[in-house]
Amino acid sequence: MPKTSNRVIPIHPHKHVYKIVLLLCLFFIKNAYGFDISITRAELGFGIIPEYNRSFYYSWDIMTTGSVEFNKNFILGSGVSMGQVEDIFDINTYINAEYGFPFFRPYVPMVLKIAYIYNGLPEYETHIHTLLPTFSFKWRYFGGSIGSTLRFTTFDKNPAIFEPIIAYSAYLNFYNTDDAVIGIGLSNYDDFNAANLGSYSFNLNNRIRITNLISLSNVVEIAMSGNVGHIVSVYGISYGGMIIFKW
C-alpha cells in the first residue's frame, strides 16, 4: 500500500476552505449560465446512523442534509451530523458543489465535484478539515469516481498535519427507475467522512419513492480494511435510514 505523507503545516485551513468552495461555485455558475439561473430541484433529508465498530463498539449519529439543483447541471449541497462515539460527542459537517458537464450527455455523464468536510471531537480538541475534489462518470446502472483527499488534522491547537490520499468510489445499480433504486457500492469516502486508502466500505442501498414529495433511503454499510497484498478484515457495520423530501 502506498504510504501517505504526514507534513506539519502551520496554517489554519478552516479559515480558507469555505472561501475556496464558494469561489469555485461562483466560477461554475458564472461561466456555465451567466446570471440566468433557475432552481430545478431541491431536497431535504433527515436520518439516523447507528453503528457497531471493533475499535469503539457502539456509536450513533443523527443527520440533516440538503441540496439545491440549478439549471439541471449545478448542485449545491450541505449537511450536519451529530452523535456519540462511546461516551464522546462528535460533530461532522460538509458543503459541496457539483457540476455535470452538459456535452456528450447522456452517453458520457461527466461530473466534477468539490467538497469541504469537517470532523470534530471537541472534548479531545481534535479537528479534521478535508478538501475533496473528485471527477466522476455517472451512468444509470454503474459508475465511479476518482479524486484526492486533502486532509488537515489538528490536535490540541498544534499545527495542522497534512495528508494527501487517493479517494475512490464505484457503484452498480441492479434496478433504477423514478420510483426505486437498488444497488451496491464501494468507496473510501462519503459526504461526511474521507478515510485512508486501505480503509473502505461496501454498501447495500435502496431508495424508494413513497409519494411525489417523500422518499425513503436505506443503506447497510460494511467497513473493511486491507487490500490484495494484505489480509482483508471487516471491522464495522452500520445502518443509515433517511426520509427525504423532494421538490
Protein backbone atom coordinates (compact mmCIF):
# COMPACT_ATOMS: atom_id res chain seq x y z
CA MET A 1 0.00 0.00 0.00
CA PRO A 2 1.43 3.43 -0.88
CA LYS A 3 2.38 5.49 2.15
CA THR A 4 0.88 8.89 2.73
CA SER A 5 2.97 11.82 3.83
CA ASN A 6 2.47 13.49 7.20
CA ARG A 7 3.73 17.03 6.79
CA VAL A 8 3.21 19.58 9.53
CA ILE A 9 1.88 22.80 8.05
CA PRO A 10 1.45 25.85 10.31
CA ILE A 11 -1.86 27.04 8.88
CA HIS A 12 -5.49 27.07 9.88
CA PRO A 13 -7.28 25.53 6.87
CA HIS A 14 -10.80 26.09 8.17
CA LYS A 15 -10.33 29.82 7.59
CA HIS A 16 -9.83 29.28 3.86
CA VAL A 17 -11.75 26.23 2.65
CA TYR A 18 -15.19 27.86 2.71
CA LYS A 19 -13.83 30.70 0.58
CA ILE A 20 -12.34 28.23 -1.91
CA VAL A 21 -15.59 26.27 -2.29
CA LEU A 22 -17.71 29.40 -2.65
CA LEU A 23 -15.35 30.91 -5.23
CA LEU A 24 -15.48 27.70 -7.28
CA CYS A 25 -19.28 27.70 -7.05
CA LEU A 26 -19.43 31.26 -8.36
CA PHE A 27 -16.96 30.40 -11.14
CA PHE A 28 -19.04 27.45 -12.38
CA ILE A 29 -22.33 29.34 -12.23
CA LYS A 30 -20.99 32.45 -13.94
CA ASN A 31 -19.24 30.61 -16.77
CA ALA A 32 -21.93 28.00 -17.35
CA TYR A 33 -25.08 30.08 -17.04
CA GLY A 34 -24.15 33.72 -16.59
CA PHE A 35 -26.90 35.01 -14.32
CA ASP A 36 -29.78 33.14 -15.98
CA ILE A 37 -30.24 30.76 -13.04
CA SER A 38 -33.30 28.71 -12.10
CA ILE A 39 -33.86 26.10 -9.40
CA THR A 40 -34.78 22.77 -11.00
CA ARG A 41 -34.79 20.54 -7.89
CA ALA A 42 -34.42 20.73 -4.11
CA GLU A 43 -34.05 18.02 -1.46
CA LEU A 44 -34.07 17.96 2.33
CA GLY A 45 -33.32 14.81 4.32
CA PHE A 46 -33.38 13.68 7.97
CA GLY A 47 -31.80 10.44 9.15
CA ILE A 48 -30.07 8.35 11.81
CA ILE A 49 -26.98 6.11 11.66
CA PRO A 50 -26.36 3.50 14.40
CA GLU A 51 -23.01 1.70 14.04
CA TYR A 52 -21.04 -1.13 15.64
CA ASN A 53 -17.26 -0.94 15.29
CA ARG A 54 -14.50 -3.11 16.77
CA SER A 55 -12.47 -0.02 17.67
CA PHE A 56 -15.09 1.93 19.64
CA TYR A 57 -18.01 -0.52 19.85
CA TYR A 58 -21.31 1.34 19.52
CA SER A 59 -21.93 4.80 18.12
CA TRP A 60 -24.80 6.75 16.61
CA ASP A 61 -25.41 9.93 14.65
CA ILE A 62 -28.41 11.97 13.64
CA MET A 63 -28.09 13.95 10.43
CA THR A 64 -29.70 16.58 8.27
CA THR A 65 -28.78 17.05 4.61
CA GLY A 66 -29.98 19.33 1.84
CA SER A 67 -29.23 20.14 -1.78
CA VAL A 68 -30.39 22.56 -4.47
CA GLU A 69 -30.02 21.93 -8.21
CA PHE A 70 -29.69 24.84 -10.65
CA ASN A 71 -30.37 24.57 -14.40
CA LYS A 72 -30.19 20.73 -14.18
CA ASN A 73 -26.39 20.84 -14.16
CA PHE A 74 -25.14 22.52 -10.99
CA ILE A 75 -25.84 21.24 -7.44
CA LEU A 76 -25.02 22.82 -4.09
CA GLY A 77 -25.26 20.52 -1.06
CA SER A 78 -24.66 20.70 2.66
CA GLY A 79 -25.28 18.67 5.79
CA VAL A 80 -24.70 18.31 9.53
CA SER A 81 -24.48 15.19 11.69
CA MET A 82 -24.06 14.96 15.46
CA GLY A 83 -23.76 11.94 17.68
CA GLN A 84 -21.76 9.95 20.16
CA VAL A 85 -18.76 7.62 19.82
CA GLU A 86 -18.84 5.58 23.03
CA ASP A 87 -19.21 8.45 25.54
CA ILE A 88 -17.60 11.14 23.33
CA PHE A 89 -19.63 13.74 21.43
CA ASP A 90 -18.76 14.22 17.77
CA ILE A 91 -19.86 16.64 15.05
CA ASN A 92 -19.48 16.41 11.27
CA THR A 93 -20.42 18.88 8.54
CA TYR A 94 -19.93 19.25 4.82
CA ILE A 95 -20.55 21.62 1.95
CA ASN A 96 -20.09 20.62 -1.68
CA ALA A 97 -20.58 21.83 -5.23
CA GLU A 98 -21.20 19.52 -8.19
CA TYR A 99 -21.16 20.39 -11.88
CA GLY A 100 -22.42 17.99 -14.57
CA PHE A 101 -20.86 18.73 -17.95
CA PRO A 102 -23.73 19.13 -20.45
CA PHE A 103 -21.88 17.94 -23.56
CA PHE A 104 -21.95 14.26 -24.60
CA ARG A 105 -24.95 13.57 -22.38
CA PRO A 106 -26.43 11.05 -21.75
CA TYR A 107 -23.70 8.89 -23.24
CA VAL A 108 -20.79 10.35 -21.25
CA PRO A 109 -22.19 11.80 -17.98
CA MET A 110 -19.08 13.52 -16.59
CA VAL A 111 -19.31 15.23 -13.20
CA LEU A 112 -16.82 17.45 -11.35
CA LYS A 113 -17.34 17.84 -7.62
CA ILE A 114 -15.52 19.63 -4.84
CA ALA A 115 -16.35 19.21 -1.16
CA TYR A 116 -15.26 20.52 2.19
CA ILE A 117 -15.71 18.15 5.16
CA TYR A 118 -15.23 18.92 8.84
CA ASN A 119 -14.97 16.20 11.52
CA GLY A 120 -14.57 17.20 15.14
CA LEU A 121 -14.17 15.70 18.60
CA PRO A 122 -14.43 18.86 20.75
CA GLU A 123 -13.69 17.02 24.01
CA TYR A 124 -10.27 16.00 22.69
CA GLU A 125 -9.69 19.26 20.76
CA THR A 126 -9.33 17.22 17.58
CA HIS A 127 -10.39 18.82 14.31
CA ILE A 128 -10.12 17.40 10.79
CA HIS A 129 -10.59 19.64 7.75
CA THR A 130 -10.77 17.95 4.35
CA LEU A 131 -10.87 19.38 0.86
CA LEU A 132 -12.04 16.69 -1.57
CA PRO A 133 -12.14 17.24 -5.36
CA THR A 134 -13.40 14.29 -7.42
CA PHE A 135 -14.11 13.52 -11.07
CA SER A 136 -16.91 11.04 -11.83
CA PHE A 137 -18.80 9.21 -14.53
CA LYS A 138 -22.42 8.58 -13.51
CA TRP A 139 -24.39 6.26 -15.75
CA ARG A 140 -27.81 4.94 -14.84
CA TYR A 141 -26.67 1.47 -13.80
CA PHE A 142 -23.00 1.90 -12.96
CA GLY A 143 -20.30 4.49 -12.45
CA GLY A 144 -17.36 5.61 -10.36
CA SER A 145 -15.18 8.46 -9.23
CA ILE A 146 -11.56 9.23 -8.52
CA GLY A 147 -10.07 12.15 -6.66
CA SER A 148 -7.77 13.32 -3.88
CA THR A 149 -8.45 13.70 -0.18
CA LEU A 150 -6.52 16.74 1.06
CA ARG A 151 -6.77 16.30 4.82
CA PHE A 152 -5.59 18.68 7.56
CA THR A 153 -5.70 17.35 11.14
CA THR A 154 -5.08 19.41 14.27
CA PHE A 155 -4.65 18.06 17.80
CA ASP A 156 -4.86 20.31 20.86
CA LYS A 157 -4.13 23.54 18.90
CA ASN A 158 -0.93 22.15 17.36
CA PRO A 159 -0.02 22.96 13.73
CA ALA A 160 -2.05 21.04 11.15
CA ILE A 161 -0.79 17.72 9.80
CA PHE A 162 -1.34 17.47 6.04
CA GLU A 163 -2.16 14.12 4.37
CA PRO A 164 -2.91 13.73 0.63
CA ILE A 165 -4.79 10.47 -0.01
CA ILE A 166 -6.39 8.94 -3.11
CA ALA A 167 -10.21 8.97 -2.98
CA TYR A 168 -12.26 6.47 -4.98
CA SER A 169 -15.75 5.04 -5.31
CA ALA A 170 -17.78 2.77 -7.60
CA TYR A 171 -21.43 1.72 -7.75
CA LEU A 172 -23.66 -0.76 -9.52
CA ASN A 173 -27.46 -0.38 -9.65
CA PHE A 174 -29.49 -3.53 -10.23
CA TYR A 175 -32.71 -1.55 -10.57
CA ASN A 176 -33.11 2.15 -11.27
CA THR A 177 -36.40 3.89 -12.03
CA ASP A 178 -38.14 7.07 -10.86
CA ASP A 179 -39.87 5.03 -8.13
CA ALA A 180 -36.99 2.97 -6.75
CA VAL A 181 -33.23 2.42 -6.87
CA ILE A 182 -31.49 -0.73 -5.60
CA GLY A 183 -27.73 -1.16 -5.78
CA ILE A 184 -24.33 -1.78 -4.22
CA GLY A 185 -21.28 0.43 -3.81
CA LEU A 186 -17.65 0.52 -2.71
CA SER A 187 -15.89 3.68 -1.51
CA ASN A 188 -13.32 5.12 0.87
CA TYR A 189 -15.29 8.35 1.36
CA ASP A 190 -18.81 9.71 1.70
CA ASP A 191 -20.43 13.11 2.29
CA PHE A 192 -19.41 13.25 5.95
CA ASN A 193 -16.11 11.33 6.05
CA ALA A 194 -12.98 10.65 3.98
CA ALA A 195 -10.95 7.60 5.02
CA ASN A 196 -7.47 6.29 4.20
CA LEU A 197 -6.54 4.43 1.02
CA GLY A 198 -6.93 0.96 2.52
CA SER A 199 -9.93 1.80 4.71
CA TYR A 200 -13.12 1.49 2.70
CA SER A 201 -16.71 0.32 2.92
CA PHE A 202 -19.05 -1.89 0.92
CA ASN A 203 -22.72 -0.96 0.97
CA LEU A 204 -26.14 -2.26 0.01
CA ASN A 205 -28.52 0.61 -0.66
CA ASN A 206 -32.02 1.41 -1.83
CA ARG A 207 -34.20 4.43 -2.27
CA ILE A 208 -37.98 4.12 -2.61
CA ARG A 209 -40.40 6.89 -3.53
CA ILE A 210 -43.46 6.91 -1.30
CA THR A 211 -45.15 9.95 -2.87
CA ASN A 212 -44.10 12.65 -5.30
CA LEU A 213 -42.73 14.55 -2.30
CA ILE A 214 -41.39 11.85 0.05
CA SER A 215 -38.79 9.11 -0.41
CA LEU A 216 -37.14 6.65 1.98
CA SER A 217 -33.44 5.74 1.80
CA ASN A 218 -31.77 2.73 3.48
CA VAL A 219 -28.06 1.89 3.47
CA VAL A 220 -26.34 -1.07 5.14
CA GLU A 221 -22.60 -0.42 5.18
CA ILE A 222 -19.79 -2.85 5.99
CA ALA A 223 -16.47 -1.21 6.95
CA MET A 224 -13.33 -3.04 5.78
CA SER A 225 -9.56 -2.60 5.73
CA GLY A 226 -6.68 -4.19 3.81
CA ASN A 227 -6.03 -4.93 0.14
CA VAL A 228 -4.95 -7.73 -2.19
CA GLY A 229 -1.46 -7.88 -0.67
CA HIS A 230 -2.73 -7.92 2.91
CA ILE A 231 -5.47 -9.64 4.85
CA VAL A 232 -8.88 -8.00 4.29
CA SER A 233 -10.80 -7.66 7.54
CA VAL A 234 -14.27 -6.45 8.44
CA TYR A 235 -14.24 -4.13 11.43
CA GLY A 236 -17.65 -2.50 11.50
CA ILE A 237 -21.21 -2.39 10.27
CA SER A 238 -23.73 0.44 10.19
CA TYR A 239 -27.25 1.22 9.05
CA GLY A 240 -28.36 4.55 7.65
CA GLY A 241 -32.05 5.34 7.40
CA MET A 242 -33.31 8.62 5.98
CA ILE A 243 -36.53 10.31 4.97
CA ILE A 244 -36.09 12.68 2.03
CA PHE A 245 -38.38 15.48 0.89
CA LYS A 246 -38.05 16.49 -2.76
CA TRP A 247 -39.47 19.47 -4.65
